[in-house]
PDB file of N, CA and C in Angstrom:
ATOM      1  N   MET A   1       0.852  -1.092  -0.383  1.00  0.00           N
ATOM      2  CA  MET A   1       0.082  -0.229  -0.176  1.00  0.00           C
ATOM      3  C   MET A   1       1.123   1.002  -0.269  1.00  0.00           C
ATOM      4  N   HIS A   2       0.468   2.129  -0.735  1.00  0.00           N
ATOM      5  CA  HIS A   2       1.250   3.537  -0.541  1.00  0.00           C
ATOM      6  C   HIS A   2       0.619   5.025  -0.712  1.00  0.00           C
ATOM      7  N   GLY A   3       0.521   5.535  -0.062  1.00  0.00           N
ATOM      8  CA  GLY A   3      -0.111   6.711   0.093  1.00  0.00           C
ATOM      9  C   GLY A   3      -0.201   7.632  -1.662  1.00  0.00           C
ATOM     10  N   THR A   4      -0.675   8.461  -2.145  1.00  0.00           N
ATOM     11  CA  THR A   4      -0.687   9.125  -3.153  1.00  0.00           C
ATOM     12  C   THR A   4      -0.618  11.004  -2.715  1.00  0.00           C
ATOM     13  N   ALA A   5      -1.142  11.826  -3.683  1.00  0.00           N
ATOM     14  CA  ALA A   5      -0.876  12.918  -3.723  1.00  0.00           C
ATOM     15  C   ALA A   5      -2.253  13.318  -4.158  1.00  0.00           C
ATOM     16  N   CYS A   6      -3.633  11.791  -4.396  1.00  0.00           N
ATOM     17  CA  CYS A   6      -4.991  12.847  -3.882  1.00  0.00           C
ATOM     18  C   CYS A   6      -5.765  12.412  -3.182  1.00  0.00           C
ATOM     19  N   PHE A   7      -6.915  13.719  -3.103  1.00  0.00           N
ATOM     20  CA  PHE A   7      -7.368  14.127  -1.565  1.00  0.00           C
ATOM     21  C   PHE A   7      -9.142  14.063  -1.723  1.00  0.00           C
ATOM     22  N   ILE A   8     -10.097  14.102  -1.537  1.00  0.00           N
ATOM     23  CA  ILE A   8     -11.086  13.533  -1.736  1.00  0.00           C
ATOM     24  C   ILE A   8     -11.954  14.711  -2.100  1.00  0.00           C
ATOM     25  N   ASN A   9     -11.264  16.432  -1.386  1.00  0.00           N
ATOM     26  CA  ASN A   9     -11.565  17.861  -2.037  1.00  0.00           C
ATOM     27  C   ASN A   9     -10.433  18.338  -1.136  1.00  0.00           C
ATOM     28  N   ILE A  10     -10.481  19.746  -1.508  1.00  0.00           N
ATOM     29  CA  ILE A  10      -9.132  21.064  -1.085  1.00  0.00           C
ATOM     30  C   ILE A  10      -8.840  21.173  -0.088  1.00  0.00           C
ATOM     31  N   ASP A  11     -10.096  20.434   1.154  1.00  0.00           N
ATOM     32  CA  ASP A  11     -10.031  21.100   2.188  1.00  0.00           C
ATOM     33  C   ASP A  11      -9.004  19.809   2.885  1.00  0.00           C
ATOM     34  N   ALA A  12      -8.899  18.817   2.881  1.00  0.00           N
ATOM     35  CA  ALA A  12      -8.138  16.985   3.367  1.00  0.00           C
ATOM     36  C   ALA A  12      -6.816  17.725   2.659  1.00  0.00           C
ATOM     37  N   ALA A  13      -6.096  18.804   1.515  1.00  0.00           N
ATOM     38  CA  ALA A  13      -5.134  18.456   1.408  1.00  0.00           C
ATOM     39  C   ALA A  13      -4.974  20.221   1.793  1.00  0.00           C
ATOM     40  N   LEU A  14      -5.874  20.763   2.378  1.00  0.00           N
ATOM     41  CA  LEU A  14      -4.934  22.115   3.043  1.00  0.00           C
ATOM     42  C   LEU A  14      -5.196  21.480   4.023  1.00  0.00           C
ATOM     43  N   ALA A  15      -5.662  20.757   5.278  1.00  0.00           N
ATOM     44  CA  ALA A  15      -5.581  19.852   7.123  1.00  0.00           C
ATOM     45  C   ALA A  15      -3.986  18.966   6.522  1.00  0.00           C
ATOM     46  N   PHE A  16      -4.028  18.157   5.511  1.00  0.00           N
ATOM     47  CA  PHE A  16      -2.382  17.465   4.915  1.00  0.00           C
ATOM     48  C   PHE A  16      -1.235  18.097   5.226  1.00  0.00           C
ATOM     49  N   TYR A  17      -0.974  19.269   4.910  1.00  0.00           N
ATOM     50  CA  TYR A  17       0.337  19.687   4.242  1.00  0.00           C
ATOM     51  C   TYR A  17       0.265  20.672   5.587  1.00  0.00           C
ATOM     52  N   ALA A  18      -0.701  22.034   5.536  1.00  0.00           N
ATOM     53  CA  ALA A  18      -0.716  22.906   6.834  1.00  0.00           C
ATOM     54  C   ALA A  18       0.888  22.403   8.456  1.00  0.00           C
ATOM     55  N   PRO A  19       0.439  20.931   8.871  1.00  0.00           N
ATOM     56  CA  PRO A  19       1.161  20.833   9.583  1.00  0.00           C
ATOM     57  C   PRO A  19       3.243  21.183   9.315  1.00  0.00           C
ATOM     58  N   TYR A  20       3.254  20.957   7.877  1.00  0.00           N
ATOM     59  CA  TYR A  20       4.485  21.142   7.075  1.00  0.00           C
ATOM     60  C   TYR A  20       4.609  22.184   7.001  1.00  0.00           C
ATOM     61  N   GLY A  21       3.841  23.561   7.101  1.00  0.00           N
ATOM     62  CA  GLY A  21       4.020  25.192   6.406  1.00  0.00           C
ATOM     63  C   GLY A  21       3.799  25.294   5.024  1.00  0.00           C
ATOM     64  N   TYR A  22       2.763  24.677   4.740  1.00  0.00           N
ATOM     65  CA  TYR A  22       1.806  25.012   3.498  1.00  0.00           C
ATOM     66  C   TYR A  22       1.074  25.653   3.408  1.00  0.00           C
ATOM     67  N   ASP A  23       0.313  26.494   2.872  1.00  0.00           N
ATOM     68  CA  ASP A  23      -1.111  27.252   3.334  1.00  0.00           C
ATOM     69  C   ASP A  23      -1.783  27.406   1.920  1.00  0.00           C
ATOM     70  N   SER A  24      -2.654  27.811   2.046  1.00  0.00           N
ATOM     71  CA  SER A  24      -3.625  28.032   0.808  1.00  0.00           C
ATOM     72  C   SER A  24      -3.705  28.192  -0.149  1.00  0.00           C
ATOM     73  N   ASN A  25      -2.360  28.846  -0.130  1.00  0.00           N
ATOM     74  CA  ASN A  25      -1.725  29.117  -1.562  1.00  0.00           C
ATOM     75  C   ASN A  25      -0.769  28.790  -2.112  1.00  0.00           C
ATOM     76  N   ASP A  26       0.342  27.701  -1.348  1.00  0.00           N
ATOM     77  CA  ASP A  26       0.693  26.316  -1.821  1.00  0.00           C
ATOM     78  C   ASP A  26       0.098  25.422  -1.825  1.00  0.00           C
ATOM     79  N   VAL A  27      -0.656  25.413  -1.252  1.00  0.00           N
ATOM     80  CA  VAL A  27      -1.329  24.427  -1.701  1.00  0.00           C
ATOM     81  C   VAL A  27      -1.978  23.899  -2.888  1.00  0.00           C
ATOM     82  N   ALA A  28      -2.539  25.529  -3.418  1.00  0.00           N
ATOM     83  CA  ALA A  28      -3.495  25.823  -4.633  1.00  0.00           C
ATOM     84  C   ALA A  28      -2.271  25.395  -5.413  1.00  0.00           C
ATOM     85  N   ASP A  29      -1.160  26.097  -5.229  1.00  0.00           N
ATOM     86  CA  ASP A  29       0.073  25.749  -6.218  1.00  0.00           C
ATOM     87  C   ASP A  29       0.556  25.091  -6.833  1.00  0.00           C
ATOM     88  N   LYS A  30       0.357  23.574  -5.684  1.00  0.00           N
ATOM     89  CA  LYS A  30       0.966  22.741  -6.063  1.00  0.00           C
ATOM     90  C   LYS A  30      -0.817  21.469  -6.967  1.00  0.00           C
ATOM     91  N   ILE A  31      -2.011  22.620  -7.023  1.00  0.00           N
ATOM     92  CA  ILE A  31      -2.831  21.658  -7.131  1.00  0.00           C
ATOM     93  C   ILE A  31      -2.480  22.038  -8.909  1.00  0.00           C
ATOM     94  N   ASP A  32      -2.471  23.175  -9.272  1.00  0.00           N
ATOM     95  CA  ASP A  32      -1.915  24.257 -10.248  1.00  0.00           C
ATOM     96  C   ASP A  32      -1.371  23.026 -11.521  1.00  0.00           C
ATOM     97  N   CYS A  33      -0.558  22.903 -10.399  1.00  0.00           N
ATOM     98  CA  CYS A  33       0.957  21.967 -10.962  1.00  0.00           C
ATOM     99  C   CYS A  33       0.685  20.315 -11.327  1.00  0.00           C
ATOM    100  N   ASN A  34      -0.085  20.028 -10.761  1.00  0.00           N
ATOM    101  CA  ASN A  34      -0.764  18.459 -10.363  1.00  0.00           C
ATOM    102  C   ASN A  34       0.404  17.544  -9.411  1.00  0.00           C
ATOM    103  N   GLU A  35       0.480  18.059  -8.704  1.00  0.00           N
ATOM    104  CA  GLU A  35       1.498  18.173  -7.654  1.00  0.00           C
ATOM    105  C   GLU A  35       0.430  17.104  -6.402  1.00  0.00           C
ATOM    106  N   VAL A  36      -0.961  18.330  -6.821  1.00  0.00           N
ATOM    107  CA  VAL A  36      -1.562  17.270  -5.313  1.00  0.00           C
ATOM    108  C   VAL A  36      -3.233  17.836  -6.662  1.00  0.00           C
ATOM    109  N   ILE A  37      -3.700  16.463  -7.124  1.00  0.00           N
ATOM    110  CA  ILE A  37      -4.454  15.967  -6.872  1.00  0.00           C
ATOM    111  C   ILE A  37      -5.959  16.220  -5.715  1.00  0.00           C
ATOM    112  N   ILE A  38      -7.417  16.730  -6.677  1.00  0.00           N
ATOM    113  CA  ILE A  38      -8.355  16.424  -5.608  1.00  0.00           C
ATOM    114  C   ILE A  38      -9.245  15.697  -6.787  1.00  0.00           C
ATOM    115  N   GLY A  39      -9.546  14.557  -5.701  1.00  0.00           N
ATOM    116  CA  GLY A  39     -10.150  13.273  -6.837  1.00  0.00           C
ATOM    117  C   GLY A  39      -9.655  12.062  -6.713  1.00  0.00           C
ATOM    118  N   GLU A  40      -9.950  10.730  -7.412  1.00  0.00           N
ATOM    119  CA  GLU A  40      -9.492   9.719  -6.934  1.00  0.00           C
ATOM    120  C   GLU A  40      -8.315   9.459  -7.808  1.00  0.00           C
ATOM    121  N   PRO A  41      -7.419   8.717  -7.597  1.00  0.00           N
ATOM    122  CA  PRO A  41      -6.032   8.555  -8.696  1.00  0.00           C
ATOM    123  C   PRO A  41      -6.386   7.352  -9.882  1.00  0.00           C
ATOM    124  N   GLU A  42      -5.692   7.776 -10.772  1.00  0.00           N
ATOM    125  CA  GLU A  42      -6.143   6.229 -12.155  1.00  0.00           C
ATOM    126  C   GLU A  42      -5.180   5.121 -11.105  1.00  0.00           C
ATOM    127  N   LEU A  43      -5.525   3.876 -10.921  1.00  0.00           N
ATOM    128  CA  LEU A  43      -5.396   3.015 -10.801  1.00  0.00           C
ATOM    129  C   LEU A  43      -5.046   2.121 -12.208  1.00  0.00           C
ATOM    130  N   GLY A  44      -4.174   0.765 -12.333  1.00  0.00           N
ATOM    131  CA  GLY A  44      -3.509   0.191 -12.865  1.00  0.00           C
ATOM    132  C   GLY A  44      -3.391  -1.518 -11.989  1.00  0.00           C
ATOM    133  N   HIS A  45      -3.223  -2.471 -13.477  1.00  0.00           N
ATOM    134  CA  HIS A  45      -3.755  -3.541 -13.069  1.00  0.00           C
ATOM    135  C   HIS A  45      -3.002  -4.104 -11.483  1.00  0.00           C
ATOM    136  N   GLY A  46      -4.278  -5.070 -11.666  1.00  0.00           N
ATOM    137  CA  GLY A  46      -4.006  -4.973 -10.014  1.00  0.00           C
ATOM    138  C   GLY A  46      -4.429  -4.069  -8.747  1.00  0.00           C
ATOM    139  N   GLU A  47      -4.388  -3.293  -8.738  1.00  0.00           N
ATOM    140  CA  GLU A  47      -4.581  -2.262  -8.482  1.00  0.00           C
ATOM    141  C   GLU A  47      -5.807  -1.954  -7.534  1.00  0.00           C
ATOM    142  N   SER A  48      -5.609  -1.742  -5.990  1.00  0.00           N
ATOM    143  CA  SER A  48      -7.068  -1.423  -5.888  1.00  0.00           C
ATOM    144  C   SER A  48      -7.061   0.009  -4.671  1.00  0.00           C
ATOM    145  N   LEU A  49      -8.745   0.593  -4.434  1.00  0.00           N
ATOM    146  CA  LEU A  49      -8.242   1.608  -3.633  1.00  0.00           C
ATOM    147  C   LEU A  49      -8.950   1.751  -2.784  1.00  0.00           C
ATOM    148  N   TRP A  50      -8.036   2.909  -1.546  1.00  0.00           N
ATOM    149  CA  TRP A  50      -8.290   2.850  -0.271  1.00  0.00           C
ATOM    150  C   TRP A  50      -8.250   3.968  -0.035  1.00  0.00           C
ATOM    151  N   LEU A  51      -9.237   4.988   0.868  1.00  0.00           N
ATOM    152  CA  LEU A  51      -9.459   5.875   1.241  1.00  0.00           C
ATOM    153  C   LEU A  51      -9.513   5.643   2.991  1.00  0.00           C
ATOM    154  N   ASN A  52      -8.348   6.814   3.063  1.00  0.00           N
ATOM    155  CA  ASN A  52      -7.827   7.047   4.740  1.00  0.00           C
ATOM    156  C   ASN A  52      -9.061   8.298   4.906  1.00  0.00           C
ATOM    157  N   LYS A  53      -9.651   7.481   5.911  1.00  0.00           N
ATOM    158  CA  LYS A  53     -11.410   8.890   5.791  1.00  0.00           C
ATOM    159  C   LYS A  53     -10.163  10.342   7.012  1.00  0.00           C
ATOM    160  N   ALA A  54      -9.670  10.258   8.156  1.00  0.00           N
ATOM    161  CA  ALA A  54      -9.275  10.715   9.130  1.00  0.00           C
ATOM    162  C   ALA A  54      -7.756  11.539   8.332  1.00  0.00           C
ATOM    163  N   GLU A  55      -7.990  11.648   6.795  1.00  0.00           N
ATOM    164  CA  GLU A  55      -6.274  11.860   6.433  1.00  0.00           C
ATOM    165  C   GLU A  55      -7.300  12.848   5.113  1.00  0.00           C
ATOM    166  N   GLY A  56      -8.403  11.829   4.474  1.00  0.00           N
ATOM    167  CA  GLY A  56      -9.084  12.306   3.795  1.00  0.00           C
ATOM    168  C   GLY A  56      -8.281  12.191   1.972  1.00  0.00           C
ATOM    169  N   ARG A  57      -7.216  10.801   2.487  1.00  0.00           N
ATOM    170  CA  ARG A  57      -5.939  11.098   1.393  1.00  0.00           C
ATOM    171  C   ARG A  57      -6.970   9.306   0.563  1.00  0.00           C
ATOM    172  N   TYR A  58      -6.098   9.045  -0.238  1.00  0.00           N
ATOM    173  CA  TYR A  58      -6.200   7.904  -1.274  1.00  0.00           C
ATOM    174  C   TYR A  58      -4.914   6.798  -1.454  1.00  0.00           C
ATOM    175  N   PHE A  59      -5.584   5.904  -0.978  1.00  0.00           N
ATOM    176  CA  PHE A  59      -4.301   5.180  -1.485  1.00  0.00           C
ATOM    177  C   PHE A  59      -3.888   3.714  -1.837  1.00  0.00           C
ATOM    178  N   ILE A  60      -2.999   3.407  -2.312  1.00  0.00           N
ATOM    179  CA  ILE A  60      -3.661   2.521  -3.245  1.00  0.00           C
ATOM    180  C   ILE A  60      -3.103   1.142  -2.867  1.00  0.00           C
ATOM    181  N   LEU A  61      -3.636   0.220  -3.128  1.00  0.00           N
ATOM    182  CA  LEU A  61      -3.398  -0.833  -2.619  1.00  0.00           C
ATOM    183  C   LEU A  61      -3.103  -2.049  -3.989  1.00  0.00           C
ATOM    184  N   ILE A  62      -1.685  -2.626  -3.696  1.00  0.00           N
ATOM    185  CA  ILE A  62      -1.538  -3.625  -5.032  1.00  0.00           C
ATOM    186  C   ILE A  62      -1.041  -5.164  -4.348  1.00  0.00           C
ATOM    187  N   LYS A  63      -2.032  -5.827  -5.327  1.00  0.00           N
ATOM    188  CA  LYS A  63      -2.419  -7.202  -5.047  1.00  0.00           C
ATOM    189  C   LYS A  63      -1.160  -7.848  -5.285  1.00  0.00           C
ATOM    190  N   ASP A  64      -0.236  -8.708  -4.946  1.00  0.00           N
ATOM    191  CA  ASP A  64       0.209  -9.617  -5.007  1.00  0.00           C
ATOM    192  C   ASP A  64      -0.259 -10.485  -6.115  1.00  0.00           C
TER     193      ASP A  64
END
């Protein structure tokens, strides 16, 4: 399993990055540059999606 930079909404992204010193303008820049995505990530073959509801962030599970 690995975390992604994909969030359920902008509020979740802001909450995630705030402890690292990022403000709303920084997060907006990350969204504009596609470093942060609002919405589900694309999945590859053998992958499934898991949402960490506490973070509002998507994780990808890789099936063996």
